[in-house]
Amino acid sequence: AVFSVLVAGIGLSFSLLLAVFADRAIRGAGTYKTLLVWPYAVAPVVAAILWLFLFNPTLGVVAHWIRAWGVHWDPLLDSGDALTLIVIAAAWKQVSYNFLFFLAGLQAIPKSLIEATIVFPLLSPTTFFLLVVNVVYAFFDTFAIVDAATGGGPGQATEILVYKVYKDGFKALDLGGSAAQSVILMTIVIVLTVVQFR
């Protein structure tokens, strides 16, 4: 639940911010928009390895900056750091998808209405759609990111439900337990989707 809320919240808010900037008539906007779409073409495993490398405690550039601020960072040993790593990787992977829909939604709003500061209510259908898609993404499509970046560790701290279904079913060979967990996972997503529709 924490992972899903963080991925959806960060992904949606950051995407909306980028779409607002891209919607403005600035020089080089076409290049800016193209660069923002690229992360969606990256495979989840590649995204996980990329972020794992950037946050690697000995080699990573980002980890070096964090240590320069006096913060100890090690996603391989610290459960909070590991969760932060996979949240960032999963949200980054989904930002491009959200960006495209937010940008299309912003461009569909007449410019005369934008001055009236009612942009966000007019974007609510797009935001609702993206919220549902991001929650489903966080519950189902982030398996490869968790598997490649942390393998569910350290100490099962990043073992989200879809990864636990895989681990119990294919590694521990508890097929009955894994099947029951997958039904629970599907039920959770269905309930969340119904609640969001309401």
Protein backbone atom coordinates (compact mmCIF):
# COMPACT_ATOMS: atom_id res chain seq x y z
CA ALA A 1 0.00 0.00 0.00
CA VAL A 2 2.79 2.42 0.92
CA PHE A 3 4.66 1.58 -2.27
CA SER A 4 1.56 2.03 -4.42
CA VAL A 5 0.61 5.38 -2.85
CA LEU A 6 4.15 6.72 -3.19
CA VAL A 7 4.58 5.60 -6.81
CA ALA A 8 1.19 6.97 -7.88
CA GLY A 9 1.55 10.22 -5.91
CA ILE A 10 5.09 11.03 -7.00
CA GLY A 11 4.51 9.91 -10.58
CA LEU A 12 1.32 11.93 -11.04
CA SER A 13 2.49 15.13 -9.35
CA PHE A 14 5.86 15.20 -11.12
CA SER A 15 4.24 14.41 -14.48
CA LEU A 16 1.69 17.19 -14.07
CA LEU A 17 4.46 19.67 -13.26
CA LEU A 18 6.43 18.63 -16.35
CA ALA A 19 3.31 18.79 -18.53
CA VAL A 20 2.55 22.34 -17.34
CA PHE A 21 6.08 23.39 -18.30
CA ALA A 22 5.86 21.59 -21.66
CA ASP A 23 2.51 23.20 -22.46
CA ARG A 24 4.07 26.65 -22.42
CA ALA A 25 5.30 28.05 -25.70
CA ILE A 26 9.06 27.97 -25.18
CA ARG A 27 11.95 27.53 -27.56
CA GLY A 28 13.01 23.90 -27.80
CA ALA A 29 9.68 22.59 -26.47
CA GLY A 30 9.64 19.80 -29.08
CA THR A 31 13.00 18.49 -27.91
CA TYR A 32 11.92 18.82 -24.28
CA LYS A 33 8.76 16.78 -24.94
CA THR A 34 10.68 14.11 -26.85
CA LEU A 35 13.21 13.69 -24.04
CA LEU A 36 10.40 13.32 -21.51
CA VAL A 37 8.83 10.46 -23.47
CA TRP A 38 12.01 8.36 -23.67
CA PRO A 39 11.86 6.76 -20.20
CA TYR A 40 8.63 4.97 -21.17
CA ALA A 41 10.53 3.09 -23.89
CA VAL A 42 13.06 1.78 -21.36
CA ALA A 43 12.45 -1.78 -20.17
CA PRO A 44 11.61 -2.06 -16.43
CA VAL A 45 14.72 -4.17 -15.77
CA VAL A 46 16.94 -1.57 -17.46
CA ALA A 47 15.28 1.20 -15.42
CA ALA A 48 15.92 -0.74 -12.21
CA ILE A 49 19.59 -1.37 -13.06
CA LEU A 50 20.06 2.27 -14.09
CA TRP A 51 18.72 3.58 -10.78
CA LEU A 52 20.53 0.88 -8.79
CA PHE A 53 23.78 2.00 -10.43
CA LEU A 54 23.05 5.69 -9.75
CA PHE A 55 22.28 4.95 -6.09
CA ASN A 56 25.02 2.34 -5.60
CA PRO A 57 26.75 3.18 -2.28
CA THR A 58 30.27 2.84 -3.70
CA LEU A 59 29.96 3.82 -7.38
CA GLY A 60 26.75 5.80 -7.70
CA VAL A 61 26.76 9.49 -8.53
CA VAL A 62 23.55 10.18 -6.63
CA ALA A 63 24.78 8.20 -3.62
CA HIS A 64 27.97 10.29 -3.68
CA TRP A 65 25.90 13.52 -3.57
CA ILE A 66 23.79 12.15 -0.72
CA ARG A 67 26.91 11.21 1.27
CA ALA A 68 28.30 14.72 0.63
CA TRP A 69 25.30 16.04 2.59
CA GLY A 70 26.28 13.78 5.49
CA VAL A 71 23.51 11.22 4.97
CA HIS A 72 24.39 7.53 5.12
CA TRP A 73 22.93 5.83 2.04
CA ASP A 74 22.94 2.10 1.32
CA PRO A 75 19.92 0.54 -0.42
CA LEU A 76 21.62 -2.84 -0.27
CA LEU A 77 21.53 -2.90 3.55
CA ASP A 78 18.96 -0.31 4.67
CA SER A 79 15.29 -1.16 4.11
CA GLY A 80 14.18 2.49 3.93
CA ASP A 81 16.81 3.29 1.34
CA ALA A 82 15.85 0.21 -0.69
CA LEU A 83 12.17 1.21 -0.68
CA THR A 84 13.13 4.75 -1.72
CA LEU A 85 15.19 3.33 -4.60
CA ILE A 86 12.40 1.19 -6.05
CA VAL A 87 9.81 3.96 -5.57
CA ILE A 88 12.00 6.38 -7.52
CA ALA A 89 12.69 3.81 -10.27
CA ALA A 90 9.02 2.83 -10.60
CA ALA A 91 7.75 6.43 -10.55
CA TRP A 92 10.38 7.52 -13.08
CA LYS A 93 9.35 4.69 -15.39
CA GLN A 94 5.71 5.84 -15.30
CA VAL A 95 6.32 9.61 -15.55
CA SER A 96 6.44 9.58 -19.36
CA TYR A 97 3.09 7.82 -19.67
CA ASN A 98 1.45 10.24 -17.25
CA PHE A 99 3.14 13.19 -18.94
CA LEU A 100 1.66 12.33 -22.34
CA PHE A 101 -1.89 12.20 -20.98
CA PHE A 102 -1.52 15.35 -18.87
CA LEU A 103 -0.02 17.24 -21.82
CA ALA A 104 -2.84 16.11 -24.11
CA GLY A 105 -5.36 17.13 -21.44
CA LEU A 106 -3.76 20.56 -21.03
CA GLN A 107 -3.65 21.15 -24.77
CA ALA A 108 -7.34 20.25 -25.06
CA ILE A 109 -8.30 23.04 -22.66
CA PRO A 110 -9.12 26.29 -24.50
CA LYS A 111 -6.55 29.00 -23.77
CA SER A 112 -9.33 31.42 -22.76
CA LEU A 113 -10.22 29.13 -19.84
CA ILE A 114 -6.63 28.79 -18.65
CA GLU A 115 -6.69 32.41 -17.54
CA ALA A 116 -9.69 31.64 -15.34
CA THR A 117 -7.62 29.26 -13.10
CA ILE A 118 -9.91 26.29 -13.57
CA VAL A 119 -7.33 24.08 -15.24
CA PHE A 120 -7.14 21.33 -12.62
CA PRO A 121 -10.92 20.69 -12.45
CA LEU A 122 -10.91 20.38 -16.24
CA LEU A 123 -8.05 17.89 -15.95
CA SER A 124 -9.92 15.76 -13.40
CA PRO A 125 -11.03 13.07 -15.92
CA THR A 126 -7.43 12.67 -17.08
CA THR A 127 -6.17 12.68 -13.50
CA PHE A 128 -8.74 10.06 -12.49
CA PHE A 129 -7.78 7.80 -15.40
CA LEU A 130 -4.08 8.15 -14.59
CA LEU A 131 -4.70 7.49 -10.89
CA VAL A 132 -6.37 4.17 -11.71
CA VAL A 133 -3.65 3.24 -14.21
CA ASN A 134 -0.85 4.16 -11.77
CA VAL A 135 -2.34 2.15 -8.91
CA VAL A 136 -2.69 -0.89 -11.16
CA TYR A 137 0.86 -0.28 -12.43
CA ALA A 138 2.26 -0.09 -8.90
CA PHE A 139 0.55 -3.33 -7.89
CA PHE A 140 1.29 -5.40 -11.03
CA ASP A 141 3.88 -3.93 -13.40
CA THR A 142 6.65 -3.16 -10.93
CA PHE A 143 7.73 -6.77 -10.48
CA ALA A 144 10.72 -6.45 -12.82
CA ILE A 145 11.95 -3.31 -11.07
CA VAL A 146 11.86 -4.96 -7.63
CA ASP A 147 13.40 -8.19 -8.94
CA ALA A 148 16.29 -6.46 -10.72
CA ALA A 149 17.00 -3.75 -8.14
CA THR A 150 16.58 -5.38 -4.73
CA GLY A 151 15.25 -8.92 -5.16
CA GLY A 152 12.73 -8.13 -2.43
CA GLY A 153 15.44 -7.33 0.10
CA PRO A 154 17.05 -6.31 2.27
CA GLY A 155 15.21 -8.50 4.73
CA GLN A 156 12.02 -8.60 2.60
CA ALA A 157 11.63 -4.83 2.97
CA THR A 158 10.81 -4.33 -0.70
CA GLU A 159 8.86 -7.53 -1.21
CA ILE A 160 5.70 -6.04 -2.65
CA LEU A 161 2.73 -8.36 -3.08
CA VAL A 162 3.28 -9.20 -6.76
CA TYR A 163 6.90 -10.13 -5.98
CA LYS A 164 5.81 -12.22 -2.99
CA VAL A 165 3.37 -14.13 -5.23
CA TYR A 166 6.25 -14.97 -7.56
CA LYS A 167 8.68 -15.83 -4.76
CA ASP A 168 6.23 -18.10 -2.94
CA GLY A 169 5.03 -19.79 -6.11
CA PHE A 170 8.20 -20.25 -8.14
CA LYS A 171 11.00 -20.24 -5.58
CA ALA A 172 9.34 -21.77 -2.50
CA LEU A 173 7.03 -23.92 -4.67
CA ASP A 174 4.01 -23.04 -2.53
CA LEU A 175 1.62 -22.96 -5.47
CA GLY A 176 -1.55 -22.95 -3.35
CA GLY A 177 -0.39 -20.04 -1.20
CA SER A 178 0.83 -18.16 -4.25
CA ALA A 179 -2.50 -18.67 -6.04
CA ALA A 180 -4.41 -17.43 -2.99
CA GLN A 181 -2.18 -14.35 -2.77
CA SER A 182 -2.71 -13.58 -6.45
CA VAL A 183 -6.49 -13.70 -5.93
CA ILE A 184 -6.11 -11.32 -2.97
CA LEU A 185 -3.92 -9.02 -5.10
CA MET A 186 -6.51 -8.98 -7.86
CA THR A 187 -9.30 -8.31 -5.33
CA ILE A 188 -7.37 -5.39 -3.81
CA VAL A 189 -6.87 -3.80 -7.22
CA ILE A 190 -10.53 -4.32 -8.17
CA VAL A 191 -11.72 -2.78 -4.88
CA LEU A 192 -9.37 0.20 -5.26
CA THR A 193 -10.55 0.74 -8.83
CA VAL A 194 -14.22 0.61 -7.77
CA VAL A 195 -13.53 3.06 -4.92
CA GLN A 196 -11.77 5.43 -7.33
CA PHE A 197 -14.70 5.21 -9.75
CA ARG A 198 -17.07 6.11 -6.92
